N, C-alpha and C. Protein backbone atom coordinates (compact mmCIF):
# COMPACT_ATOMS: atom_id res chain seq x y z
N ARG A 1 0.55 -1.28 -0.03
CA ARG A 1 0.21 0.28 0.02
C ARG A 1 0.55 1.29 -0.28
N SER A 2 0.92 1.98 -0.95
CA SER A 2 1.31 3.28 -0.63
C SER A 2 1.02 4.40 -0.32
N ILE A 3 1.48 5.29 0.40
CA ILE A 3 1.20 6.57 1.05
C ILE A 3 -0.50 7.24 0.73
N TYR A 4 0.10 7.57 -0.50
CA TYR A 4 -0.79 8.23 -1.32
C TYR A 4 -2.39 7.41 -1.68
N SER A 5 -2.50 6.07 -1.31
CA SER A 5 -3.79 5.59 -1.58
C SER A 5 -4.01 5.87 -0.09
N ASP A 6 -3.53 5.66 0.92
CA ASP A 6 -3.54 5.22 2.45
C ASP A 6 -4.48 7.06 2.03
N MET A 7 -3.61 8.07 1.83
CA MET A 7 -4.21 9.32 2.21
C MET A 7 -5.26 9.34 1.63
N SER A 8 -5.34 9.51 0.21
CA SER A 8 -6.65 9.18 -0.31
C SER A 8 -7.54 8.64 0.35
N ARG A 9 -7.82 7.80 0.85
CA ARG A 9 -8.65 6.82 1.70
C ARG A 9 -9.11 7.78 3.05
N ARG A 10 -8.22 8.23 3.76
CA ARG A 10 -8.57 9.62 4.85
C ARG A 10 -9.27 10.93 4.05
N ILE A 11 -8.84 10.94 3.00
CA ILE A 11 -9.93 12.01 2.40
C ILE A 11 -11.19 12.17 2.01
N ILE A 12 -10.92 11.07 1.44
CA ILE A 12 -12.69 10.52 0.96
C ILE A 12 -13.69 10.59 2.50
N ALA A 13 -13.16 9.56 3.67
CA ALA A 13 -13.76 9.30 4.23
C ALA A 13 -14.15 10.71 5.41
N PHE A 14 -13.24 11.56 5.25
CA PHE A 14 -13.11 12.81 6.01
C PHE A 14 -14.19 13.51 5.47
N SER A 15 -14.46 13.70 3.79
CA SER A 15 -15.43 14.49 3.39
C SER A 15 -16.35 13.49 3.08
N SER A 16 -16.52 12.53 3.18
CA SER A 16 -17.98 11.54 3.66
C SER A 16 -18.46 11.68 5.02
N LEU A 17 -17.77 12.04 6.00
CA LEU A 17 -18.52 12.10 7.46
C LEU A 17 -18.85 13.65 7.47
N ASN A 18 -18.22 15.05 6.50
CA ASN A 18 -18.94 16.34 6.13
C ASN A 18 -19.93 16.00 5.70
N LEU A 19 -20.26 15.13 4.45
CA LEU A 19 -21.01 15.65 4.30
C LEU A 19 -22.20 14.84 4.22
N ASN A 20 -22.46 13.94 5.41
CA ASN A 20 -23.25 13.56 6.29
C ASN A 20 -23.53 14.67 6.81
N LYS A 21 -22.71 15.43 7.56
CA LYS A 21 -23.54 16.45 8.47
C LYS A 21 -23.50 17.16 7.78
N ILE A 22 -23.34 17.74 6.57
CA ILE A 22 -24.07 18.73 5.70
C ILE A 22 -25.74 18.40 5.14
N GLU A 23 -25.92 16.95 4.76
CA GLU A 23 -27.05 16.41 4.55
C GLU A 23 -27.52 16.46 6.15
N THR A 24 -27.72 15.80 7.43
CA THR A 24 -28.40 16.13 8.27
C THR A 24 -29.23 17.93 8.44
N PHE A 25 -27.78 18.50 8.96
CA PHE A 25 -28.21 19.89 8.29
C PHE A 25 -29.04 20.51 7.51
N LEU A 26 -29.05 19.70 6.19
CA LEU A 26 -30.09 20.61 5.23
C LEU A 26 -31.57 19.52 5.69
N PHE A 27 -31.56 18.18 6.40
CA PHE A 27 -32.48 18.12 6.32
C PHE A 27 -33.46 18.36 7.58
N SER A 28 -32.55 18.61 8.61
CA SER A 28 -33.50 19.48 9.62
C SER A 28 -33.94 20.97 9.26
N LEU A 29 -33.30 21.35 8.62
CA LEU A 29 -33.31 22.76 7.95
C LEU A 29 -34.72 22.42 7.35
N LEU A 30 -35.02 22.01 6.38
CA LEU A 30 -36.33 21.69 5.75
C LEU A 30 -37.32 20.79 6.19
N ILE A 31 -37.50 20.56 7.44
CA ILE A 31 -37.80 20.10 8.66
C ILE A 31 -38.54 21.62 9.03
N ILE A 32 -37.71 22.10 9.53
CA ILE A 32 -38.22 23.24 10.45
C ILE A 32 -38.87 24.31 9.86
N PHE A 33 -38.16 24.48 8.55
CA PHE A 33 -39.12 25.71 7.63
C PHE A 33 -40.32 25.03 6.39
N LEU A 34 -40.33 23.79 6.76
CA LEU A 34 -41.72 22.77 6.23
C LEU A 34 -43.03 23.79 6.34
N PRO A 35 -43.85 24.07 7.57
CA PRO A 35 -44.38 24.62 8.09
C PRO A 35 -44.33 26.28 7.32
N THR A 36 -43.94 27.37 6.96
CA THR A 36 -43.78 27.96 6.80
C THR A 36 -44.31 28.70 4.70
N GLN A 37 -44.33 29.59 4.34
CA GLN A 37 -44.89 29.92 2.70
C GLN A 37 -43.87 31.20 2.48
N LEU A 38 -42.70 31.23 3.34
CA LEU A 38 -41.69 31.78 2.80
C LEU A 38 -41.21 31.42 1.37
N GLY A 39 -41.36 32.18 0.21
CA GLY A 39 -41.26 32.05 -1.20
C GLY A 39 -40.91 33.21 -2.22
N LYS A 40 -40.71 33.41 -3.29
CA LYS A 40 -41.28 34.29 -4.37
C LYS A 40 -41.74 33.66 -4.86
N HIS A 41 -42.63 35.05 -5.30
CA HIS A 41 -43.94 34.78 -6.43
C HIS A 41 -43.49 35.10 -7.92
N PHE A 42 -44.10 34.28 -8.38
CA PHE A 42 -43.17 35.17 -9.70
C PHE A 42 -44.54 35.07 -10.64
N TRP A 43 -44.96 36.40 -11.58
CA TRP A 43 -46.47 36.43 -12.26
C TRP A 43 -46.14 36.93 -13.97
N PRO A 44 -46.18 35.31 -14.77
CA PRO A 44 -46.58 35.07 -15.84
C PRO A 44 -47.70 35.89 -15.96
N ASP A 45 -47.93 35.60 -17.33
CA ASP A 45 -49.19 36.22 -18.09
C ASP A 45 -50.23 34.66 -18.12
N PHE A 46 -49.68 33.76 -17.51
CA PHE A 46 -50.29 32.29 -17.73
C PHE A 46 -50.91 32.49 -16.02
N SER A 47 -50.57 33.49 -15.11
CA SER A 47 -51.20 33.66 -13.71
C SER A 47 -52.02 34.34 -13.95
N PHE A 48 -52.56 35.02 -14.41
CA PHE A 48 -53.79 36.00 -14.38
C PHE A 48 -54.91 35.61 -14.90
N ILE A 49 -55.83 35.66 -14.27
CA ILE A 49 -57.49 35.05 -14.45
C ILE A 49 -58.29 36.56 -14.67
N HIS A 50 -58.42 36.85 -16.53
CA HIS A 50 -59.53 37.70 -16.32
C HIS A 50 -58.24 39.41 -15.70
N GLY A 51 -57.49 39.07 -15.75
CA GLY A 51 -56.15 40.31 -15.34
C GLY A 51 -56.28 40.56 -13.39
N ILE A 52 -56.90 39.06 -12.76
CA ILE A 52 -56.22 39.51 -11.55
C ILE A 52 -55.25 38.07 -11.14
N ARG A 53 -54.09 38.26 -10.71
CA ARG A 53 -53.32 37.25 -9.91
C ARG A 53 -54.22 36.27 -9.23
N VAL A 54 -53.76 35.13 -9.54
CA VAL A 54 -54.14 34.15 -9.15
C VAL A 54 -52.71 33.33 -8.51
N ASP A 55 -52.97 32.95 -7.11
CA ASP A 55 -51.33 32.68 -6.43
C ASP A 55 -51.17 31.18 -6.50
N TYR A 56 -52.35 30.27 -6.99
CA TYR A 56 -52.49 29.15 -7.35
C TYR A 56 -51.13 28.74 -8.25
N LEU A 57 -51.44 29.70 -9.38
CA LEU A 57 -51.67 29.31 -10.62
C LEU A 57 -50.10 30.06 -11.06
N SER A 58 -49.48 31.21 -10.13
CA SER A 58 -47.81 31.68 -9.88
C SER A 58 -46.95 30.60 -9.84
N PRO A 59 -45.58 30.51 -9.81
CA PRO A 59 -44.77 29.58 -10.20
C PRO A 59 -44.05 30.82 -8.74
N THR A 60 -43.90 29.94 -7.93
CA THR A 60 -43.90 30.28 -6.43
C THR A 60 -41.58 29.31 -6.37
N VAL A 61 -40.94 30.23 -5.76
CA VAL A 61 -39.91 28.77 -5.18
C VAL A 61 -39.69 29.76 -4.05
N TYR A 62 -39.96 28.77 -3.21
CA TYR A 62 -40.16 28.60 -2.26
C TYR A 62 -38.76 28.39 -1.19
N VAL A 63 -38.42 28.39 0.18
CA VAL A 63 -37.10 27.98 0.69
C VAL A 63 -36.95 26.95 0.83
N THR A 64 -37.90 25.80 0.69
CA THR A 64 -38.04 24.34 1.44
C THR A 64 -37.04 23.67 -0.48
N ASP A 65 -38.17 24.56 -1.08
CA ASP A 65 -37.45 23.95 -2.76
C ASP A 65 -35.52 23.96 -2.81
N ILE A 66 -35.60 25.39 -2.20
CA ILE A 66 -33.65 25.84 -1.80
C ILE A 66 -33.77 24.89 -1.32
N LEU A 67 -33.72 24.17 0.14
CA LEU A 67 -33.26 23.45 0.54
C LEU A 67 -33.28 22.05 -0.01
N ILE A 68 -34.46 21.45 -1.01
CA ILE A 68 -34.48 20.47 -1.62
C ILE A 68 -33.66 20.30 -1.93
N LEU A 69 -32.94 20.97 -3.01
CA LEU A 69 -32.29 21.44 -4.28
C LEU A 69 -31.03 21.34 -3.73
N PHE A 70 -30.37 21.75 -2.88
CA PHE A 70 -29.38 21.70 -1.84
C PHE A 70 -28.78 20.11 -1.31
N LEU A 71 -30.05 19.43 -0.69
CA LEU A 71 -30.25 18.45 -0.42
C LEU A 71 -29.93 17.18 -1.40
N PHE A 72 -30.84 17.42 -2.80
CA PHE A 72 -30.44 16.43 -3.80
C PHE A 72 -29.32 16.75 -4.26
N PHE A 73 -28.37 17.83 -4.47
CA PHE A 73 -27.19 17.69 -4.95
C PHE A 73 -25.97 17.41 -3.64
N VAL A 74 -26.53 17.57 -2.39
CA VAL A 74 -25.12 16.88 -1.53
C VAL A 74 -25.40 15.08 -1.47
N TRP A 75 -26.73 14.55 -1.00
CA TRP A 75 -27.64 13.21 -1.48
C TRP A 75 -26.27 12.78 -3.09
N CYS A 76 -26.50 13.83 -3.85
CA CYS A 76 -26.38 12.79 -5.22
C CYS A 76 -24.65 12.77 -4.71
N PHE A 77 -23.69 13.82 -4.81
CA PHE A 77 -22.42 13.92 -4.15
C PHE A 77 -21.60 12.57 -3.64
N ARG A 78 -22.32 12.87 -2.39
CA ARG A 78 -22.23 11.18 -1.44
C ARG A 78 -21.84 10.31 -1.73
N ASN A 79 -23.63 10.15 -2.72
CA ASN A 79 -23.83 8.38 -3.59
C ASN A 79 -23.20 8.55 -4.20
N PHE A 80 -22.21 9.45 -5.09
CA PHE A 80 -21.62 9.21 -6.03
C PHE A 80 -20.99 8.32 -6.08
N LYS A 81 -19.94 6.90 -6.80
CA LYS A 81 -19.83 5.99 -6.90
C LYS A 81 -18.59 5.82 -8.28
N PHE A 82 -17.71 6.06 -7.83
CA PHE A 82 -17.17 5.85 -9.57
C PHE A 82 -17.25 4.48 -10.09
N GLU A 83 -17.11 3.16 -9.51
CA GLU A 83 -17.15 2.03 -9.93
C GLU A 83 -18.84 1.31 -9.87
N TYR A 84 -19.60 2.76 -10.04
CA TYR A 84 -21.07 2.42 -9.88
C TYR A 84 -21.16 1.87 -11.25
N ARG A 85 -22.09 0.65 -11.31
CA ARG A 85 -22.03 -0.08 -12.68
C ARG A 85 -23.72 0.89 -13.41
N ILE A 86 -23.56 1.09 -14.44
CA ILE A 86 -24.31 1.75 -15.72
C ILE A 86 -25.96 0.46 -15.40
N SER A 87 -25.60 -0.52 -15.27
CA SER A 87 -27.26 -1.47 -15.30
C SER A 87 -27.48 -1.21 -13.41
N ASN A 88 -27.16 -0.35 -12.66
CA ASN A 88 -28.28 -0.26 -11.64
C ASN A 88 -28.60 1.51 -11.81
N LEU A 89 -27.87 2.16 -12.71
CA LEU A 89 -28.75 3.41 -13.05
C LEU A 89 -29.54 3.32 -14.22
N LEU A 90 -29.82 1.66 -14.72
CA LEU A 90 -31.10 1.13 -15.91
C LEU A 90 -32.19 0.12 -14.88
N LYS A 91 -32.57 0.63 -13.69
CA LYS A 91 -33.59 -0.22 -13.38
C LYS A 91 -34.71 0.87 -12.24
N PRO A 92 -35.14 1.38 -13.44
CA PRO A 92 -36.28 2.51 -12.51
C PRO A 92 -37.13 2.00 -12.10
N ASN A 93 -38.14 2.90 -11.72
CA ASN A 93 -39.10 2.66 -11.33
C ASN A 93 -40.40 2.59 -12.60
N VAL A 94 -40.99 1.73 -12.71
CA VAL A 94 -41.82 1.62 -13.67
C VAL A 94 -42.51 2.55 -13.80
N ALA A 95 -43.55 2.46 -12.67
CA ALA A 95 -44.48 3.17 -12.53
C ALA A 95 -44.52 4.93 -12.33
N PHE A 96 -43.38 5.45 -11.63
CA PHE A 96 -42.62 6.44 -11.70
C PHE A 96 -42.05 7.39 -13.47
N ILE A 97 -41.93 6.52 -14.13
CA ILE A 97 -41.36 6.34 -15.29
C ILE A 97 -42.88 6.46 -16.41
N LEU A 98 -43.97 5.75 -16.31
CA LEU A 98 -45.24 5.70 -16.84
C LEU A 98 -45.87 7.35 -16.16
N VAL A 99 -45.94 7.52 -14.86
CA VAL A 99 -46.62 8.80 -14.77
C VAL A 99 -45.84 10.22 -15.37
N LEU A 100 -44.08 9.74 -15.40
CA LEU A 100 -43.53 10.97 -16.18
C LEU A 100 -43.69 11.27 -17.33
N LEU A 101 -43.73 9.88 -18.27
CA LEU A 101 -44.31 10.63 -19.50
C LEU A 101 -45.68 10.88 -20.13
N TYR A 102 -46.40 10.71 -18.93
CA TYR A 102 -47.76 10.58 -19.53
C TYR A 102 -47.76 12.74 -18.79
N LEU A 103 -47.19 13.37 -18.37
CA LEU A 103 -47.11 14.16 -17.57
C LEU A 103 -45.97 15.01 -18.66
N ILE A 104 -45.57 14.29 -19.13
CA ILE A 104 -44.45 14.70 -20.17
C ILE A 104 -45.41 15.04 -22.18
N VAL A 105 -46.02 14.52 -21.83
CA VAL A 105 -47.56 13.99 -22.90
C VAL A 105 -48.52 14.89 -22.96
N ASN A 106 -48.62 15.22 -22.03
CA ASN A 106 -50.01 16.42 -20.80
C ASN A 106 -49.31 18.01 -21.34
N ILE A 107 -48.15 18.50 -20.93
CA ILE A 107 -47.20 19.61 -21.69
C ILE A 107 -47.23 19.38 -22.61
N PHE A 108 -46.86 18.98 -23.16
CA PHE A 108 -47.20 19.29 -25.10
C PHE A 108 -48.18 19.26 -25.68
N LEU A 109 -49.11 18.77 -24.72
CA LEU A 109 -50.25 19.30 -25.02
C LEU A 109 -52.07 19.91 -24.51
N SER A 110 -51.40 20.92 -23.41
CA SER A 110 -51.50 21.53 -22.65
C SER A 110 -51.71 22.88 -23.07
N SER A 111 -52.38 23.77 -23.17
CA SER A 111 -52.05 25.30 -23.74
C SER A 111 -51.42 26.17 -22.92
N ASN A 112 -50.64 25.67 -21.47
CA ASN A 112 -50.19 25.93 -20.82
C ASN A 112 -48.66 25.96 -20.39
N LEU A 113 -47.98 25.64 -21.32
CA LEU A 113 -46.76 24.83 -21.60
C LEU A 113 -45.81 25.12 -20.92
N LEU A 114 -45.18 26.95 -19.97
CA LEU A 114 -44.52 27.10 -19.13
C LEU A 114 -45.07 26.78 -17.33
N GLY A 115 -46.34 26.40 -17.15
CA GLY A 115 -47.00 25.95 -15.98
C GLY A 115 -46.63 24.78 -16.05
N GLY A 116 -47.36 23.86 -17.57
CA GLY A 116 -46.70 22.70 -17.20
C GLY A 116 -44.95 22.11 -16.38
N PHE A 117 -44.71 22.89 -17.22
CA PHE A 117 -42.93 22.85 -16.52
C PHE A 117 -42.82 22.82 -15.61
N TYR A 118 -43.28 23.37 -15.02
CA TYR A 118 -43.01 24.35 -13.21
C TYR A 118 -43.80 23.21 -12.62
N PHE A 119 -44.69 23.03 -12.67
CA PHE A 119 -45.40 21.67 -12.30
C PHE A 119 -44.55 20.24 -12.15
N LEU A 120 -44.04 20.09 -13.59
CA LEU A 120 -43.34 19.00 -13.93
C LEU A 120 -42.43 19.20 -12.72
N LEU A 121 -41.69 20.00 -12.60
CA LEU A 121 -40.12 20.33 -12.14
C LEU A 121 -40.62 19.83 -10.27
N LYS A 122 -42.25 20.62 -9.69
CA LYS A 122 -42.59 20.02 -8.58
C LYS A 122 -42.57 19.00 -8.42
N TYR A 123 -43.73 18.07 -9.01
CA TYR A 123 -43.69 16.86 -9.35
C TYR A 123 -41.96 15.80 -8.75
N LEU A 124 -41.72 16.44 -10.03
CA LEU A 124 -39.66 15.71 -9.59
C LEU A 124 -39.54 15.99 -8.35
N GLU A 125 -39.39 17.41 -7.84
CA GLU A 125 -38.60 17.43 -6.72
C GLU A 125 -39.31 16.87 -5.41
N LEU A 126 -40.63 16.92 -5.04
CA LEU A 126 -41.50 15.99 -4.65
C LEU A 126 -41.44 14.40 -4.71
N SER A 127 -41.30 13.82 -5.72
CA SER A 127 -41.10 12.57 -5.49
C SER A 127 -39.56 11.61 -5.37
N PHE A 128 -38.19 13.31 -5.87
CA PHE A 128 -37.01 12.77 -4.84
C PHE A 128 -37.01 12.97 -3.43
N LEU A 129 -38.25 14.00 -2.89
CA LEU A 129 -38.27 14.43 -1.02
C LEU A 129 -38.84 13.05 -0.77
N GLY A 130 -39.94 12.36 -1.58
CA GLY A 130 -40.72 11.59 -0.53
C GLY A 130 -39.74 10.17 -0.45
N TYR A 131 -38.62 9.65 -1.76
CA TYR A 131 -38.21 8.40 -2.03
C TYR A 131 -36.82 8.76 -0.89
N TYR A 132 -35.69 10.00 -1.18
CA TYR A 132 -35.05 10.37 0.19
C TYR A 132 -35.35 9.62 1.43
N ILE A 133 -36.78 10.51 2.38
CA ILE A 133 -37.05 10.03 3.22
C ILE A 133 -37.55 8.76 3.16
N ALA A 134 -38.38 7.73 2.22
CA ALA A 134 -38.08 6.56 2.18
C ALA A 134 -36.90 5.87 2.76
N LYS A 135 -35.79 6.38 1.89
CA LYS A 135 -34.18 5.94 2.08
C LYS A 135 -33.63 5.88 3.67
N ILE A 136 -33.69 7.55 4.09
CA ILE A 136 -32.67 7.98 5.08
C ILE A 136 -33.51 7.45 6.56
N VAL A 137 -34.47 7.46 6.79
CA VAL A 137 -35.70 7.87 8.18
C VAL A 137 -36.03 5.84 7.80
N LYS A 138 -35.04 4.91 9.17
CA LYS A 138 -34.98 4.25 9.39
C LYS A 138 -35.42 3.51 10.80
N THR A 139 -35.66 4.45 11.67
CA THR A 139 -35.53 4.17 12.95
C THR A 139 -36.72 5.35 13.78
N LYS A 140 -37.31 4.58 15.45
CA LYS A 140 -37.91 5.50 15.03
C LYS A 140 -37.70 6.62 15.89
N ARG A 141 -36.88 6.62 16.37
CA ARG A 141 -35.57 7.72 16.89
C ARG A 141 -35.65 8.93 16.01
N GLN A 142 -35.24 8.53 14.50
CA GLN A 142 -35.39 9.85 13.22
C GLN A 142 -36.81 10.46 13.54
N VAL A 143 -37.70 8.95 13.56
CA VAL A 143 -39.13 9.77 13.81
C VAL A 143 -39.81 10.78 14.33
N VAL A 144 -39.08 10.52 15.81
CA VAL A 144 -39.06 10.99 16.60
C VAL A 144 -38.30 12.69 16.75
N ILE A 145 -37.07 12.10 16.66
CA ILE A 145 -36.38 13.93 16.30
C ILE A 145 -37.13 14.83 14.73
N GLY A 146 -37.59 13.96 13.90
CA GLY A 146 -38.17 14.81 12.32
C GLY A 146 -39.47 15.02 13.26
N ILE A 147 -40.29 14.54 13.74
CA ILE A 147 -42.09 15.27 14.66
C ILE A 147 -41.57 16.16 15.47
N SER A 148 -40.22 15.86 16.46
CA SER A 148 -40.19 17.11 17.26
C SER A 148 -39.63 18.54 16.67
N LEU A 149 -38.58 18.44 15.94
CA LEU A 149 -38.42 20.03 14.75
C LEU A 149 -39.78 20.47 14.12
N PHE A 150 -40.71 19.33 14.13
CA PHE A 150 -41.93 19.78 13.14
C PHE A 150 -42.45 20.86 14.11
N ALA A 151 -42.34 20.07 15.34
CA ALA A 151 -43.47 20.43 16.00
C ALA A 151 -43.52 21.87 16.67
N VAL A 152 -41.78 22.11 16.66
CA VAL A 152 -40.98 23.26 17.66
C VAL A 152 -41.20 24.38 16.30
N SER A 153 -41.10 23.54 15.31
CA SER A 153 -41.21 25.02 13.85
C SER A 153 -42.77 25.39 13.68
N MET A 154 -43.60 24.47 13.89
CA MET A 154 -45.06 24.65 14.26
C MET A 154 -45.57 25.87 15.24
N VAL A 155 -44.84 25.45 16.42
CA VAL A 155 -45.09 26.31 17.54
C VAL A 155 -45.21 27.83 17.33
N GLY A 156 -43.66 27.87 16.80
CA GLY A 156 -43.01 29.03 16.39
C GLY A 156 -43.97 30.05 15.69
N GLN A 157 -44.57 29.40 14.32
CA GLN A 157 -45.28 30.25 13.38
C GLN A 157 -46.25 30.19 14.17
N SER A 158 -47.31 29.64 14.96
CA SER A 158 -48.33 30.10 15.79
C SER A 158 -47.90 31.26 16.49
N LEU A 159 -47.07 31.14 16.98
CA LEU A 159 -46.21 32.42 18.08
C LEU A 159 -46.28 33.07 17.30
N LEU A 160 -45.60 33.18 16.42
CA LEU A 160 -46.14 34.99 14.96
C LEU A 160 -47.18 35.03 14.72
N ALA A 161 -47.91 33.99 14.36
CA ALA A 161 -49.79 34.18 13.65
C ALA A 161 -49.97 34.72 15.05
N LEU A 162 -50.15 34.62 16.74
CA LEU A 162 -50.59 35.74 17.43
C LEU A 162 -50.36 36.94 18.05
N ALA A 163 -49.05 36.73 17.51
CA ALA A 163 -48.67 38.25 17.69
C ALA A 163 -48.56 39.21 16.30
N GLN A 164 -49.05 38.88 15.53
CA GLN A 164 -49.22 39.60 13.82
C GLN A 164 -50.89 39.87 14.20
N TYR A 165 -51.47 38.92 14.89
CA TYR A 165 -53.10 39.12 15.17
C TYR A 165 -53.46 40.47 16.39
N ALA A 166 -52.40 40.16 17.47
CA ALA A 166 -51.79 41.27 18.60
C ALA A 166 -52.10 42.62 17.98
N ALA A 167 -51.09 42.23 17.15
CA ALA A 167 -50.61 44.01 16.70
C ALA A 167 -51.61 44.50 16.05
N HIS A 168 -52.41 43.85 15.32
CA HIS A 168 -53.99 44.67 14.92
C HIS A 168 -54.88 44.68 15.77
């Protein structure tokens, strides 16, 4: 064994440890920000009906979307292996692929192409989040920690709402 292979093994172990901490931190932040609606709305033409802005038609980038995107990149980087076989990449979930194809066909048949692409991105984002949670949450302790973080965040949001109500 050379000194370089030993050193590279230590660097990889150190970086994967840091990535695990970053991933845990990002997921914890995501749970904390789930009850919030903090986001930036965009108002393209298709989000207006008879000149009135309609919130649910407005593409919005939420803080949780950004956290999920960062979590996706960290998760991909942590799970990327150079010796990963291409056959493992070609084992998709058939139901997921069929729904994805159905959505893509509907986007091209719809009158609102940009809105369709936005909702396709949201579908992919939430599909990743569901897959990620199913893969990482293994113990009751993890569930209890997640519920506790969510509960603390909900109490904080409730206190903020009460303070806003009391101010008026």
